[in-house]
């Protein structure tokens, strides 16, 4: 898989949503991740951005199962693998605020955002 490295839009969105990108210190823009890097990072939440992909329960379940196959990490153990299919998820525009709000809800379900 790939992640957003330092200075990338996705990393900025995660920060604005109140999250910490575990790969933010990586020098590469979009590093290809090894199994060892993922296991070492121990992410609590995984956000899969798949703009313009029809979202349904089967897609989310499949993503969770694929991540579980990699090994034990908090995100899979706690069922916190989320697929975001918002068409604007990767396009900086005025609509990006909706993407940030959705990320914030996924990252911090205990916080009310209304």
N, C-alpha and C. Protein backbone atom coordinates (compact mmCIF):
# COMPACT_ATOMS: atom_id res chain seq x y z
N UNK A 1 0.83 -1.18 0.00
CA UNK A 1 0.00 0.00 0.00
C UNK A 1 0.87 1.24 0.00
N UNK A 2 0.23 2.36 -0.12
CA UNK A 2 0.92 3.64 -0.09
C UNK A 2 0.29 4.53 0.97
N UNK A 3 1.05 5.49 1.42
CA UNK A 3 0.57 6.45 2.41
C UNK A 3 0.97 7.84 1.98
N UNK A 4 0.42 8.83 2.65
CA UNK A 4 0.79 10.21 2.36
C UNK A 4 1.95 10.61 3.25
N UNK A 5 3.04 11.04 2.65
CA UNK A 5 4.20 11.50 3.40
C UNK A 5 4.07 12.95 3.79
N UNK A 6 5.16 13.51 4.25
CA UNK A 6 5.20 14.89 4.73
C UNK A 6 4.81 15.88 3.64
N UNK A 7 3.97 16.85 4.01
CA UNK A 7 3.62 17.94 3.12
C UNK A 7 2.59 17.61 2.04
N UNK A 8 1.98 16.47 2.10
CA UNK A 8 0.97 16.09 1.10
C UNK A 8 -0.41 16.53 1.57
N UNK A 9 -1.31 16.77 0.63
CA UNK A 9 -2.67 17.23 0.94
C UNK A 9 -3.36 16.27 1.90
N UNK A 10 -3.25 14.98 1.67
CA UNK A 10 -3.93 14.01 2.53
C UNK A 10 -3.42 14.12 3.97
N UNK A 11 -2.13 14.28 4.14
CA UNK A 11 -1.58 14.46 5.47
C UNK A 11 -2.11 15.71 6.15
N UNK A 12 -2.25 16.77 5.38
CA UNK A 12 -2.81 18.02 5.92
C UNK A 12 -4.27 17.83 6.33
N UNK A 13 -5.03 17.08 5.53
CA UNK A 13 -6.43 16.81 5.87
C UNK A 13 -6.53 16.03 7.18
N UNK A 14 -5.66 15.04 7.32
CA UNK A 14 -5.66 14.24 8.55
C UNK A 14 -5.37 15.14 9.75
N UNK A 15 -4.38 16.02 9.62
CA UNK A 15 -4.04 16.93 10.72
C UNK A 15 -5.21 17.87 11.04
N UNK A 16 -5.85 18.42 10.02
CA UNK A 16 -6.99 19.32 10.24
C UNK A 16 -8.16 18.60 10.90
N UNK A 17 -8.27 17.29 10.66
CA UNK A 17 -9.34 16.48 11.26
C UNK A 17 -8.97 16.02 12.67
N UNK A 18 -7.78 16.40 13.14
CA UNK A 18 -7.38 16.05 14.49
C UNK A 18 -6.64 14.73 14.60
N UNK A 19 -6.12 14.24 13.48
CA UNK A 19 -5.40 12.98 13.50
C UNK A 19 -3.90 13.18 13.36
N UNK A 20 -3.18 12.09 13.58
CA UNK A 20 -1.73 12.07 13.41
C UNK A 20 -1.41 11.07 12.31
N UNK A 21 -0.77 11.53 11.27
CA UNK A 21 -0.35 10.66 10.18
C UNK A 21 0.92 9.95 10.63
N UNK A 22 0.85 8.64 10.85
CA UNK A 22 2.02 7.91 11.36
C UNK A 22 3.17 7.88 10.37
N UNK A 23 2.92 8.27 9.12
CA UNK A 23 3.99 8.30 8.12
C UNK A 23 4.34 9.73 7.71
N UNK A 24 3.98 10.72 8.52
CA UNK A 24 4.23 12.13 8.19
C UNK A 24 5.71 12.48 8.14
N UNK A 25 6.54 11.73 8.83
CA UNK A 25 7.97 12.06 8.83
C UNK A 25 8.71 11.43 7.67
N UNK A 26 8.02 10.65 6.87
CA UNK A 26 8.64 10.02 5.71
C UNK A 26 9.00 11.09 4.68
N UNK A 27 10.19 11.03 4.16
CA UNK A 27 10.65 12.04 3.20
C UNK A 27 9.95 11.93 1.85
N UNK A 28 9.53 10.74 1.46
CA UNK A 28 8.87 10.55 0.17
C UNK A 28 7.44 11.08 0.22
N UNK A 29 6.96 11.58 -0.90
CA UNK A 29 5.60 12.12 -0.96
C UNK A 29 4.56 11.04 -0.71
N UNK A 30 4.66 9.94 -1.41
CA UNK A 30 3.72 8.83 -1.26
C UNK A 30 4.51 7.53 -1.18
N UNK A 31 5.06 7.24 0.00
CA UNK A 31 5.90 6.05 0.12
C UNK A 31 5.11 4.76 -0.03
N UNK A 32 5.72 3.78 -0.67
CA UNK A 32 5.16 2.43 -0.73
C UNK A 32 5.50 1.78 0.61
N UNK A 33 4.51 1.23 1.26
CA UNK A 33 4.71 0.71 2.60
C UNK A 33 4.96 -0.79 2.61
N UNK A 34 5.91 -1.18 3.39
CA UNK A 34 6.17 -2.61 3.58
C UNK A 34 5.31 -3.09 4.75
N UNK A 35 5.13 -4.38 4.83
CA UNK A 35 4.41 -4.98 5.95
C UNK A 35 5.08 -4.59 7.27
N UNK A 36 6.39 -4.61 7.27
CA UNK A 36 7.13 -4.27 8.49
C UNK A 36 6.87 -2.83 8.92
N UNK A 37 6.79 -1.91 7.95
CA UNK A 37 6.54 -0.50 8.29
C UNK A 37 5.15 -0.32 8.88
N UNK A 38 4.17 -1.02 8.34
CA UNK A 38 2.81 -0.92 8.86
C UNK A 38 2.73 -1.51 10.26
N UNK A 39 3.31 -2.69 10.44
CA UNK A 39 3.29 -3.32 11.77
C UNK A 39 4.04 -2.48 12.79
N UNK A 40 5.13 -1.86 12.39
CA UNK A 40 5.90 -1.02 13.29
C UNK A 40 5.14 0.25 13.67
N UNK A 41 4.40 0.82 12.73
CA UNK A 41 3.67 2.06 12.98
C UNK A 41 2.47 1.86 13.90
N UNK A 42 1.88 0.66 13.89
CA UNK A 42 0.73 0.34 14.73
C UNK A 42 -0.38 1.40 14.62
N UNK A 43 -0.90 1.65 13.40
CA UNK A 43 -1.94 2.68 13.26
C UNK A 43 -3.22 2.31 14.02
N UNK A 44 -3.80 3.30 14.67
CA UNK A 44 -5.05 3.11 15.41
C UNK A 44 -6.25 3.19 14.48
N UNK A 45 -6.11 3.94 13.39
CA UNK A 45 -7.17 4.11 12.40
C UNK A 45 -6.53 4.07 11.02
N UNK A 46 -7.20 3.43 10.08
CA UNK A 46 -6.75 3.43 8.69
C UNK A 46 -7.87 4.04 7.87
N UNK A 47 -7.54 5.07 7.09
CA UNK A 47 -8.49 5.70 6.19
C UNK A 47 -8.06 5.36 4.77
N UNK A 48 -8.91 4.63 4.07
CA UNK A 48 -8.66 4.31 2.66
C UNK A 48 -9.44 5.32 1.84
N UNK A 49 -8.77 6.12 1.05
CA UNK A 49 -9.45 7.09 0.20
C UNK A 49 -9.59 6.50 -1.20
N UNK A 50 -10.84 6.27 -1.60
CA UNK A 50 -11.14 5.71 -2.91
C UNK A 50 -12.21 6.57 -3.57
N UNK A 51 -11.84 7.79 -3.99
CA UNK A 51 -12.84 8.67 -4.59
C UNK A 51 -13.51 8.04 -5.79
N UNK A 52 -14.78 8.33 -5.90
CA UNK A 52 -15.60 7.91 -7.04
C UNK A 52 -15.80 6.40 -7.12
N UNK A 53 -15.53 5.69 -6.03
CA UNK A 53 -15.83 4.26 -5.97
C UNK A 53 -17.15 4.13 -5.23
N UNK A 54 -18.10 3.38 -5.77
CA UNK A 54 -19.37 3.23 -5.05
C UNK A 54 -19.13 2.57 -3.69
N UNK A 55 -19.57 3.24 -2.64
CA UNK A 55 -19.37 2.71 -1.29
C UNK A 55 -20.54 1.83 -0.90
N UNK A 56 -20.22 0.75 -0.28
CA UNK A 56 -21.24 -0.12 0.28
C UNK A 56 -20.61 -0.93 1.39
N UNK A 57 -21.43 -1.64 2.12
CA UNK A 57 -20.94 -2.41 3.25
C UNK A 57 -19.92 -3.46 2.81
N UNK A 58 -20.12 -4.04 1.64
CA UNK A 58 -19.20 -5.08 1.16
C UNK A 58 -17.80 -4.51 0.92
N UNK A 59 -17.72 -3.30 0.39
CA UNK A 59 -16.42 -2.66 0.14
C UNK A 59 -15.68 -2.44 1.45
N UNK A 60 -16.37 -1.92 2.44
CA UNK A 60 -15.75 -1.68 3.75
C UNK A 60 -15.33 -2.98 4.41
N UNK A 61 -16.17 -3.99 4.33
CA UNK A 61 -15.84 -5.29 4.93
C UNK A 61 -14.63 -5.91 4.24
N UNK A 62 -14.57 -5.80 2.92
CA UNK A 62 -13.43 -6.35 2.18
C UNK A 62 -12.14 -5.63 2.55
N UNK A 63 -12.20 -4.31 2.68
CA UNK A 63 -11.01 -3.54 3.06
C UNK A 63 -10.53 -3.97 4.44
N UNK A 64 -11.45 -4.14 5.38
CA UNK A 64 -11.07 -4.56 6.74
C UNK A 64 -10.42 -5.93 6.70
N UNK A 65 -10.97 -6.86 5.95
CA UNK A 65 -10.40 -8.20 5.86
C UNK A 65 -9.02 -8.18 5.21
N UNK A 66 -8.84 -7.35 4.19
CA UNK A 66 -7.52 -7.25 3.55
C UNK A 66 -6.48 -6.72 4.52
N UNK A 67 -6.86 -5.73 5.32
CA UNK A 67 -5.91 -5.19 6.29
C UNK A 67 -5.64 -6.20 7.40
N UNK A 68 -6.67 -6.92 7.83
CA UNK A 68 -6.49 -7.93 8.88
C UNK A 68 -5.49 -9.00 8.45
N UNK A 69 -5.47 -9.30 7.17
CA UNK A 69 -4.56 -10.33 6.67
C UNK A 69 -3.09 -9.94 6.84
N UNK A 70 -2.82 -8.65 7.02
CA UNK A 70 -1.44 -8.19 7.18
C UNK A 70 -0.87 -8.51 8.55
N UNK A 71 -1.73 -8.67 9.53
CA UNK A 71 -1.25 -8.95 10.88
C UNK A 71 -1.94 -8.09 11.91
N UNK A 72 -1.55 -8.27 13.16
CA UNK A 72 -2.22 -7.56 14.26
C UNK A 72 -1.78 -6.10 14.39
N UNK A 73 -2.71 -5.21 14.16
CA UNK A 73 -2.49 -3.79 14.40
C UNK A 73 -3.76 -3.24 15.05
N UNK A 74 -3.66 -2.19 15.84
CA UNK A 74 -4.84 -1.67 16.54
C UNK A 74 -6.03 -1.35 15.63
N UNK A 75 -5.79 -0.78 14.46
CA UNK A 75 -6.89 -0.40 13.57
C UNK A 75 -7.75 -1.60 13.17
N UNK A 76 -7.11 -2.73 12.87
CA UNK A 76 -7.89 -3.91 12.46
C UNK A 76 -8.50 -4.58 13.68
N UNK A 77 -7.76 -4.64 14.77
CA UNK A 77 -8.28 -5.26 15.99
C UNK A 77 -9.56 -4.56 16.46
N UNK A 78 -9.58 -3.22 16.35
CA UNK A 78 -10.70 -2.43 16.83
C UNK A 78 -11.73 -2.11 15.76
N UNK A 79 -11.57 -2.67 14.55
CA UNK A 79 -12.53 -2.41 13.47
C UNK A 79 -12.54 -0.97 13.00
N UNK A 80 -11.38 -0.32 12.98
CA UNK A 80 -11.31 1.09 12.61
C UNK A 80 -10.60 1.30 11.28
N UNK A 81 -10.98 0.46 10.32
CA UNK A 81 -10.54 0.64 8.93
C UNK A 81 -11.73 1.23 8.20
N UNK A 82 -11.58 2.43 7.64
CA UNK A 82 -12.69 3.13 7.01
C UNK A 82 -12.36 3.44 5.55
N UNK A 83 -13.34 3.22 4.69
CA UNK A 83 -13.20 3.54 3.28
C UNK A 83 -13.99 4.82 3.02
N UNK A 84 -13.29 5.82 2.50
CA UNK A 84 -13.94 7.08 2.14
C UNK A 84 -14.02 7.16 0.62
N UNK A 85 -15.24 7.24 0.11
CA UNK A 85 -15.45 7.25 -1.34
C UNK A 85 -15.91 8.62 -1.84
N UNK A 86 -15.81 9.61 -1.01
CA UNK A 86 -16.25 10.96 -1.39
C UNK A 86 -15.52 11.40 -2.65
N UNK A 87 -16.26 11.88 -3.63
CA UNK A 87 -15.65 12.24 -4.90
C UNK A 87 -14.64 13.37 -4.77
N UNK A 88 -14.75 14.18 -3.73
CA UNK A 88 -13.84 15.31 -3.54
C UNK A 88 -12.74 15.01 -2.53
N UNK A 89 -12.56 13.78 -2.14
CA UNK A 89 -11.62 13.44 -1.07
C UNK A 89 -10.19 13.83 -1.39
N UNK A 90 -9.81 13.86 -2.63
CA UNK A 90 -8.43 14.17 -2.99
C UNK A 90 -8.29 15.45 -3.81
N UNK A 91 -9.36 16.25 -3.85
CA UNK A 91 -9.35 17.47 -4.65
C UNK A 91 -9.46 18.69 -3.73
N UNK A 92 -8.40 19.46 -3.59
CA UNK A 92 -8.52 20.67 -2.78
C UNK A 92 -9.52 21.64 -3.41
N UNK A 93 -10.60 21.87 -2.73
CA UNK A 93 -11.65 22.76 -3.22
C UNK A 93 -12.45 23.22 -2.01
N UNK A 94 -13.40 24.14 -2.20
CA UNK A 94 -14.23 24.57 -1.07
C UNK A 94 -15.01 23.41 -0.42
N UNK A 95 -15.24 22.34 -1.14
CA UNK A 95 -15.98 21.19 -0.60
C UNK A 95 -15.12 20.32 0.32
N UNK A 96 -13.85 20.61 0.41
CA UNK A 96 -12.94 19.77 1.20
C UNK A 96 -13.31 19.81 2.68
N UNK A 97 -14.00 20.86 3.12
CA UNK A 97 -14.40 20.94 4.52
C UNK A 97 -15.29 19.75 4.91
N UNK A 98 -16.12 19.29 3.99
CA UNK A 98 -16.97 18.12 4.26
C UNK A 98 -16.11 16.87 4.44
N UNK A 99 -15.05 16.76 3.68
CA UNK A 99 -14.14 15.62 3.79
C UNK A 99 -13.44 15.66 5.15
N UNK A 100 -12.99 16.85 5.56
CA UNK A 100 -12.32 17.00 6.85
C UNK A 100 -13.29 16.64 7.99
N UNK A 101 -14.53 17.10 7.89
CA UNK A 101 -15.52 16.78 8.92
C UNK A 101 -15.75 15.27 9.00
N UNK A 102 -15.84 14.62 7.86
CA UNK A 102 -16.04 13.17 7.86
C UNK A 102 -14.84 12.46 8.47
N UNK A 103 -13.63 12.89 8.10
CA UNK A 103 -12.43 12.30 8.69
C UNK A 103 -12.44 12.49 10.20
N UNK A 104 -12.80 13.67 10.66
CA UNK A 104 -12.82 13.95 12.09
C UNK A 104 -13.80 13.02 12.82
N UNK A 105 -14.95 12.78 12.22
CA UNK A 105 -15.92 11.85 12.83
C UNK A 105 -15.36 10.43 12.89
N UNK A 106 -14.63 10.02 11.85
CA UNK A 106 -14.06 8.68 11.83
C UNK A 106 -12.89 8.55 12.80
N UNK A 107 -12.10 9.60 12.92
CA UNK A 107 -10.94 9.59 13.81
C UNK A 107 -11.35 9.74 15.27
N UNK A 108 -12.39 10.51 15.51
CA UNK A 108 -12.81 10.83 16.88
C UNK A 108 -14.32 10.65 17.05
N UNK A 109 -14.79 9.40 17.00
CA UNK A 109 -16.24 9.17 17.11
C UNK A 109 -16.81 9.60 18.46
N UNK A 110 -15.96 9.76 19.46
CA UNK A 110 -16.42 10.15 20.79
C UNK A 110 -16.75 11.65 20.89
N UNK A 111 -16.36 12.43 19.87
CA UNK A 111 -16.56 13.88 19.89
C UNK A 111 -17.74 14.25 19.01
N UNK A 112 -18.64 15.08 19.56
CA UNK A 112 -19.76 15.59 18.76
C UNK A 112 -19.30 16.81 17.98
N UNK A 113 -19.62 16.83 16.70
CA UNK A 113 -19.15 17.92 15.84
C UNK A 113 -20.29 18.84 15.39
N UNK A 114 -21.37 18.90 16.12
CA UNK A 114 -22.46 19.78 15.69
C UNK A 114 -22.61 20.99 16.54
